[in-house]
Amino acid sequence: MNAKEQKEILEIWQVLGLSLMYITGDKQEFFKTVKEELGYQWDGEGWRKVMQLH
């Protein structure tokens, strides 16, 4: 992936994150929505993929 593609992807993710923050209204609801819809959870240092074993 070249620098231009990386920049485009970061811009898209920033827009997605800001949109989710606006829609959810508060921090806890935002984290819950990201976990449920995208499968990622904030661990205090960064985002990690939530693995569900069935």
PDB file of N, CA and C in Angstrom:
ATOM      1  N   MET A   1       0.862  -1.164   0.000  1.00  0.00           N
ATOM      2  CA  MET A   1       0.000   0.000   0.000  1.00  0.00           C
ATOM      3  C   MET A   1       0.914   1.235   0.000  1.00  0.00           C
ATOM      4  N   ASN A   2       0.637   2.140  -0.895  1.00  0.00           N
ATOM      5  CA  ASN A   2       1.470   3.343  -0.963  1.00  0.00           C
ATOM      6  C   ASN A   2       0.944   4.430  -0.022  1.00  0.00           C
ATOM      7  N   ALA A   3       1.700   5.502   0.115  1.00  0.00           N
ATOM      8  CA  ALA A   3       1.362   6.575   1.062  1.00  0.00           C
ATOM      9  C   ALA A   3       0.016   7.223   0.742  1.00  0.00           C
ATOM     10  N   LYS A   4      -0.293   7.386  -0.538  1.00  0.00           N
ATOM     11  CA  LYS A   4      -1.565   8.000  -0.928  1.00  0.00           C
ATOM     12  C   LYS A   4      -2.740   7.127  -0.493  1.00  0.00           C
ATOM     13  N   GLU A   5      -2.627   5.819  -0.702  1.00  0.00           N
ATOM     14  CA  GLU A   5      -3.695   4.896  -0.297  1.00  0.00           C
ATOM     15  C   GLU A   5      -3.860   4.881   1.218  1.00  0.00           C
ATOM     16  N   GLN A   6      -2.748   4.912   1.945  1.00  0.00           N
ATOM     17  CA  GLN A   6      -2.818   4.941   3.408  1.00  0.00           C
ATOM     18  C   GLN A   6      -3.534   6.190   3.887  1.00  0.00           C
ATOM     19  N   LYS A   7      -3.226   7.330   3.287  1.00  0.00           N
ATOM     20  CA  LYS A   7      -3.868   8.586   3.674  1.00  0.00           C
ATOM     21  C   LYS A   7      -5.371   8.541   3.409  1.00  0.00           C
ATOM     22  N   GLU A   8      -5.771   7.991   2.255  1.00  0.00           N
ATOM     23  CA  GLU A   8      -7.193   7.886   1.919  1.00  0.00           C
ATOM     24  C   GLU A   8      -7.933   7.005   2.915  1.00  0.00           C
ATOM     25  N   ILE A   9      -7.335   5.884   3.278  1.00  0.00           N
ATOM     26  CA  ILE A   9      -7.973   4.963   4.228  1.00  0.00           C
ATOM     27  C   ILE A   9      -8.115   5.625   5.599  1.00  0.00           C
ATOM     28  N   LEU A  10      -7.073   6.329   6.055  1.00  0.00           N
ATOM     29  CA  LEU A  10      -7.149   7.023   7.348  1.00  0.00           C
ATOM     30  C   LEU A  10      -8.249   8.073   7.341  1.00  0.00           C
ATOM     31  N   GLU A  11      -8.392   8.804   6.233  1.00  0.00           N
ATOM     32  CA  GLU A  11      -9.452   9.807   6.138  1.00  0.00           C
ATOM     33  C   GLU A  11     -10.829   9.162   6.208  1.00  0.00           C
ATOM     34  N   ILE A  12     -10.999   8.035   5.543  1.00  0.00           N
ATOM     35  CA  ILE A  12     -12.289   7.323   5.573  1.00  0.00           C
ATOM     36  C   ILE A  12     -12.597   6.855   6.990  1.00  0.00           C
ATOM     37  N   TRP A  13     -11.607   6.289   7.692  1.00  0.00           N
ATOM     38  CA  TRP A  13     -11.824   5.816   9.055  1.00  0.00           C
ATOM     39  C   TRP A  13     -12.123   6.960  10.003  1.00  0.00           C
ATOM     40  N   GLN A  14     -11.504   8.120   9.786  1.00  0.00           N
ATOM     41  CA  GLN A  14     -11.799   9.277  10.635  1.00  0.00           C
ATOM     42  C   GLN A  14     -13.245   9.712  10.462  1.00  0.00           C
ATOM     43  N   VAL A  15     -13.717   9.720   9.232  1.00  0.00           N
ATOM     44  CA  VAL A  15     -15.106  10.094   8.962  1.00  0.00           C
ATOM     45  C   VAL A  15     -16.049   9.072   9.594  1.00  0.00           C
ATOM     46  N   LEU A  16     -15.733   7.790   9.464  1.00  0.00           N
ATOM     47  CA  LEU A  16     -16.559   6.745  10.059  1.00  0.00           C
ATOM     48  C   LEU A  16     -16.620   6.908  11.573  1.00  0.00           C
ATOM     49  N   GLY A  17     -15.468   7.121  12.200  1.00  0.00           N
ATOM     50  CA  GLY A  17     -15.424   7.281  13.650  1.00  0.00           C
ATOM     51  C   GLY A  17     -16.213   8.492  14.115  1.00  0.00           C
ATOM     52  N   LEU A  18     -16.035   9.607  13.433  1.00  0.00           N
ATOM     53  CA  LEU A  18     -16.774  10.815  13.805  1.00  0.00           C
ATOM     54  C   LEU A  18     -18.273  10.632  13.606  1.00  0.00           C
ATOM     55  N   SER A  19     -18.658   9.946  12.542  1.00  0.00           N
ATOM     56  CA  SER A  19     -20.074   9.680  12.299  1.00  0.00           C
ATOM     57  C   SER A  19     -20.669   8.834  13.408  1.00  0.00           C
ATOM     58  N   LEU A  20     -19.949   7.785  13.806  1.00  0.00           N
ATOM     59  CA  LEU A  20     -20.443   6.930  14.888  1.00  0.00           C
ATOM     60  C   LEU A  20     -20.533   7.697  16.207  1.00  0.00           C
ATOM     61  N   MET A  21     -19.561   8.585  16.479  1.00  0.00           N
ATOM     62  CA  MET A  21     -19.619   9.388  17.701  1.00  0.00           C
ATOM     63  C   MET A  21     -20.855  10.279  17.698  1.00  0.00           C
ATOM     64  N   TYR A  22     -21.149  10.876  16.565  1.00  0.00           N
ATOM     65  CA  TYR A  22     -22.305  11.766  16.458  1.00  0.00           C
ATOM     66  C   TYR A  22     -23.607  10.981  16.636  1.00  0.00           C
ATOM     67  N   ILE A  23     -23.694   9.827  16.026  1.00  0.00           N
ATOM     68  CA  ILE A  23     -24.917   9.007  16.075  1.00  0.00           C
ATOM     69  C   ILE A  23     -25.176   8.473  17.478  1.00  0.00           C
ATOM     70  N   THR A  24     -24.124   8.000  18.153  1.00  0.00           N
ATOM     71  CA  THR A  24     -24.312   7.342  19.444  1.00  0.00           C
ATOM     72  C   THR A  24     -24.511   8.315  20.596  1.00  0.00           C
ATOM     73  N   GLY A  25     -23.903   9.476  20.554  1.00  0.00           N
ATOM     74  CA  GLY A  25     -24.163  10.486  21.571  1.00  0.00           C
ATOM     75  C   GLY A  25     -23.257  10.484  22.781  1.00  0.00           C
ATOM     76  N   ASP A  26     -22.824   9.329  23.276  1.00  0.00           N
ATOM     77  CA  ASP A  26     -21.900   9.325  24.407  1.00  0.00           C
ATOM     78  C   ASP A  26     -20.831   8.251  24.231  1.00  0.00           C
ATOM     79  N   LYS A  27     -19.812   8.348  25.060  1.00  0.00           N
ATOM     80  CA  LYS A  27     -18.625   7.501  24.937  1.00  0.00           C
ATOM     81  C   LYS A  27     -18.946   6.010  25.086  1.00  0.00           C
ATOM     82  N   GLN A  28     -19.704   5.668  26.102  1.00  0.00           N
ATOM     83  CA  GLN A  28     -20.017   4.265  26.353  1.00  0.00           C
ATOM     84  C   GLN A  28     -20.838   3.646  25.220  1.00  0.00           C
ATOM     85  N   GLU A  29     -21.799   4.390  24.716  1.00  0.00           N
ATOM     86  CA  GLU A  29     -22.625   3.901  23.610  1.00  0.00           C
ATOM     87  C   GLU A  29     -21.773   3.758  22.340  1.00  0.00           C
ATOM     88  N   PHE A  30     -20.833   4.671  22.134  1.00  0.00           N
ATOM     89  CA  PHE A  30     -19.920   4.595  20.993  1.00  0.00           C
ATOM     90  C   PHE A  30     -19.107   3.302  21.057  1.00  0.00           C
ATOM     91  N   PHE A  31     -18.478   3.020  22.211  1.00  0.00           N
ATOM     92  CA  PHE A  31     -17.678   1.808  22.355  1.00  0.00           C
ATOM     93  C   PHE A  31     -18.530   0.551  22.152  1.00  0.00           C
ATOM     94  N   LYS A  32     -19.746   0.567  22.677  1.00  0.00           N
ATOM     95  CA  LYS A  32     -20.656  -0.576  22.524  1.00  0.00           C
ATOM     96  C   LYS A  32     -21.001  -0.792  21.052  1.00  0.00           C
ATOM     97  N   THR A  33     -21.293   0.287  20.332  1.00  0.00           N
ATOM     98  CA  THR A  33     -21.655   0.198  18.924  1.00  0.00           C
ATOM     99  C   THR A  33     -20.490  -0.318  18.079  1.00  0.00           C
ATOM    100  N   VAL A  34     -19.291   0.193  18.326  1.00  0.00           N
ATOM    101  CA  VAL A  34     -18.113  -0.266  17.576  1.00  0.00           C
ATOM    102  C   VAL A  34     -17.885  -1.753  17.820  1.00  0.00           C
ATOM    103  N   LYS A  35     -18.054  -2.190  19.056  1.00  0.00           N
ATOM    104  CA  LYS A  35     -17.865  -3.609  19.380  1.00  0.00           C
ATOM    105  C   LYS A  35     -18.909  -4.475  18.680  1.00  0.00           C
ATOM    106  N   GLU A  36     -20.164  -4.066  18.743  1.00  0.00           N
ATOM    107  CA  GLU A  36     -21.244  -4.858  18.154  1.00  0.00           C
ATOM    108  C   GLU A  36     -21.215  -4.854  16.626  1.00  0.00           C
ATOM    109  N   GLU A  37     -20.987  -3.690  16.037  1.00  0.00           N
ATOM    110  CA  GLU A  37     -21.089  -3.559  14.581  1.00  0.00           C
ATOM    111  C   GLU A  37     -19.797  -3.880  13.843  1.00  0.00           C
ATOM    112  N   LEU A  38     -18.647  -3.537  14.437  1.00  0.00           N
ATOM    113  CA  LEU A  38     -17.373  -3.714  13.734  1.00  0.00           C
ATOM    114  C   LEU A  38     -16.495  -4.805  14.342  1.00  0.00           C
ATOM    115  N   GLY A  39     -16.818  -5.228  15.562  1.00  0.00           N
ATOM    116  CA  GLY A  39     -16.062  -6.302  16.197  1.00  0.00           C
ATOM    117  C   GLY A  39     -14.754  -5.868  16.838  1.00  0.00           C
ATOM    118  N   TYR A  40     -14.623  -4.584  17.179  1.00  0.00           N
ATOM    119  CA  TYR A  40     -13.414  -4.082  17.824  1.00  0.00           C
ATOM    120  C   TYR A  40     -13.746  -3.512  19.189  1.00  0.00           C
ATOM    121  N   GLN A  41     -12.781  -3.643  20.107  1.00  0.00           N
ATOM    122  CA  GLN A  41     -12.965  -3.145  21.457  1.00  0.00           C
ATOM    123  C   GLN A  41     -11.743  -2.321  21.855  1.00  0.00           C
ATOM    124  N   TRP A  42     -11.978  -1.189  22.508  1.00  0.00           N
ATOM    125  CA  TRP A  42     -10.912  -0.326  22.994  1.00  0.00           C
ATOM    126  C   TRP A  42     -10.389  -0.887  24.302  1.00  0.00           C
ATOM    127  N   ASP A  43      -9.064  -1.105  24.400  1.00  0.00           N
ATOM    128  CA  ASP A  43      -8.490  -1.671  25.622  1.00  0.00           C
ATOM    129  C   ASP A  43      -7.721  -0.651  26.452  1.00  0.00           C
ATOM    130  N   GLY A  44      -7.882   0.636  26.142  1.00  0.00           N
ATOM    131  CA  GLY A  44      -7.188   1.680  26.873  1.00  0.00           C
ATOM    132  C   GLY A  44      -5.912   2.139  26.179  1.00  0.00           C
ATOM    133  N   GLU A  45      -5.394   1.320  25.278  1.00  0.00           N
ATOM    134  CA  GLU A  45      -4.180   1.661  24.541  1.00  0.00           C
ATOM    135  C   GLU A  45      -4.394   1.625  23.033  1.00  0.00           C
ATOM    136  N   GLY A  46      -5.397   0.885  22.597  1.00  0.00           N
ATOM    137  CA  GLY A  46      -5.664   0.764  21.163  1.00  0.00           C
ATOM    138  C   GLY A  46      -6.856  -0.146  20.917  1.00  0.00           C
ATOM    139  N   TRP A  47      -7.219  -0.296  19.657  1.00  0.00           N
ATOM    140  CA  TRP A  47      -8.350  -1.135  19.290  1.00  0.00           C
ATOM    141  C   TRP A  47      -7.862  -2.558  19.063  1.00  0.00           C
ATOM    142  N   ARG A  48      -8.634  -3.529  19.555  1.00  0.00           N
ATOM    143  CA  ARG A  48      -8.290  -4.932  19.316  1.00  0.00           C
ATOM    144  C   ARG A  48      -9.521  -5.650  18.808  1.00  0.00           C
ATOM    145  N   LYS A  49      -9.299  -6.630  17.955  1.00  0.00           N
ATOM    146  CA  LYS A  49     -10.388  -7.409  17.383  1.00  0.00           C
ATOM    147  C   LYS A  49     -10.942  -8.341  18.445  1.00  0.00           C
ATOM    148  N   VAL A  50     -12.250  -8.344  18.598  1.00  0.00           N
ATOM    149  CA  VAL A  50     -12.909  -9.219  19.565  1.00  0.00           C
ATOM    150  C   VAL A  50     -13.147 -10.563  18.903  1.00  0.00           C
ATOM    151  N   MET A  51     -12.647 -11.593  19.522  1.00  0.00           N
ATOM    152  CA  MET A  51     -12.794 -12.947  18.991  1.00  0.00           C
ATOM    153  C   MET A  51     -13.900 -13.658  19.774  1.00  0.00           C
ATOM    154  N   GLN A  52     -14.859 -14.186  19.050  1.00  0.00           N
ATOM    155  CA  GLN A  52     -15.930 -14.934  19.696  1.00  0.00           C
ATOM    156  C   GLN A  52     -15.847 -16.392  19.245  1.00  0.00           C
ATOM    157  N   LEU A  53     -15.694 -17.267  20.196  1.00  0.00           N
ATOM    158  CA  LEU A  53     -15.647 -18.697  19.891  1.00  0.00           C
ATOM    159  C   LEU A  53     -17.007 -19.295  20.209  1.00  0.00           C
ATOM    160  N   HIS A  54     -17.543 -20.029  19.277  1.00  0.00           N
ATOM    161  CA  HIS A  54     -18.872 -20.634  19.481  1.00  0.00           C
ATOM    162  C   HIS A  54     -18.740 -22.099  19.726  1.00  0.00           C
TER     163      HIS A  54
END
